Amino acid sequence: MLKRLWNGWKAFAQATGGFQSRVLLGLFYFSVVAPFGILVRVLGDPLGRRDRPGASNWKPVAVSDRVDIEAVRKQF
């Protein structure tokens, strides 16, 4: 009899835990994560890319025709 009661309790606890986790995580998402994401998207531009559309951050590298051991050791 105790085993049936224990198994029933485990099933009830698992169903309740699943429901609570969905509710709590949903509340957390809509009260913390979503507003933070909206604020960052509206207010933030940490890389400063909006003022230079299509611009690239690549820098040209001077290529040397010299191929010796010292040139290989000093790559940058």
Protein backbone atom coordinates (compact mmCIF):
# COMPACT_ATOMS: atom_id res chain seq x y z
CA MET A 1 0.00 0.00 0.00
CA LEU A 2 2.81 2.43 0.79
CA LYS A 3 4.45 1.69 -2.54
CA ARG A 4 1.29 2.69 -4.44
CA LEU A 5 0.99 5.84 -2.38
CA TRP A 6 4.65 6.67 -3.01
CA ASN A 7 4.33 6.10 -6.77
CA GLY A 8 1.21 8.28 -6.87
CA TRP A 9 3.05 11.02 -4.98
CA LYS A 10 6.00 10.85 -7.42
CA ALA A 11 3.68 11.20 -10.43
CA PHE A 12 1.88 14.14 -8.83
CA ALA A 13 5.17 15.83 -7.86
CA GLN A 14 6.60 15.39 -11.34
CA ALA A 15 3.50 16.88 -13.00
CA THR A 16 3.45 19.78 -10.54
CA GLY A 17 7.19 20.39 -11.01
CA GLY A 18 6.84 20.44 -14.77
CA PHE A 19 4.02 22.96 -14.58
CA GLN A 20 5.85 25.17 -12.09
CA SER A 21 9.07 25.16 -14.11
CA ARG A 22 7.24 26.28 -17.24
CA VAL A 23 5.40 29.03 -15.39
CA LEU A 24 8.47 30.30 -13.51
CA LEU A 25 10.74 30.22 -16.55
CA GLY A 26 8.07 31.95 -18.64
CA LEU A 27 7.69 34.69 -16.05
CA PHE A 28 11.47 35.09 -15.85
CA TYR A 29 11.78 35.33 -19.62
CA PHE A 30 9.02 37.89 -20.10
CA SER A 31 10.01 39.99 -17.08
CA VAL A 32 13.83 39.98 -17.38
CA VAL A 33 15.23 38.59 -20.63
CA ALA A 34 12.81 40.08 -23.16
CA PRO A 35 12.92 43.67 -21.80
CA PHE A 36 16.71 43.51 -21.58
CA GLY A 37 16.92 42.35 -25.19
CA ILE A 38 14.57 45.08 -26.35
CA LEU A 39 16.56 47.76 -24.50
CA VAL A 40 19.86 46.55 -25.91
CA ARG A 41 18.48 46.48 -29.43
CA VAL A 42 16.96 49.97 -29.18
CA LEU A 43 19.64 51.79 -27.19
CA GLY A 44 22.86 49.93 -27.77
CA ASP A 45 25.32 49.78 -30.61
CA PRO A 46 28.47 48.55 -28.88
CA LEU A 47 30.42 48.04 -32.10
CA GLY A 48 29.46 51.38 -33.62
CA ARG A 49 28.38 49.79 -36.89
CA ARG A 50 25.18 51.73 -37.55
CA ASP A 51 26.98 54.86 -38.67
CA ARG A 52 29.09 52.96 -41.24
CA PRO A 53 26.82 50.63 -43.23
CA GLY A 54 28.80 48.40 -45.54
CA ALA A 55 32.14 49.44 -44.05
CA SER A 56 34.69 46.79 -43.29
CA ASN A 57 37.02 46.45 -40.32
CA TRP A 58 39.67 44.62 -42.30
CA LYS A 59 43.04 46.34 -42.57
CA PRO A 60 45.27 45.87 -45.60
CA VAL A 61 48.48 43.99 -44.91
CA ALA A 62 51.74 44.83 -46.64
CA VAL A 63 52.97 41.70 -48.38
CA SER A 64 56.66 41.11 -48.59
CA ASP A 65 58.34 39.13 -51.39
CA ARG A 66 61.08 38.16 -48.98
CA VAL A 67 60.98 34.47 -48.07
CA ASP A 68 63.66 33.61 -45.56
CA ILE A 69 63.71 32.25 -42.02
CA GLU A 70 63.62 35.70 -40.37
CA ALA A 71 60.56 36.73 -42.36
CA VAL A 72 58.80 33.53 -41.34
CA ARG A 73 59.64 34.00 -37.65
CA LYS A 74 58.31 37.57 -37.70
CA GLN A 75 54.80 37.04 -39.04
CA PHE A 76 53.18 40.15 -37.63
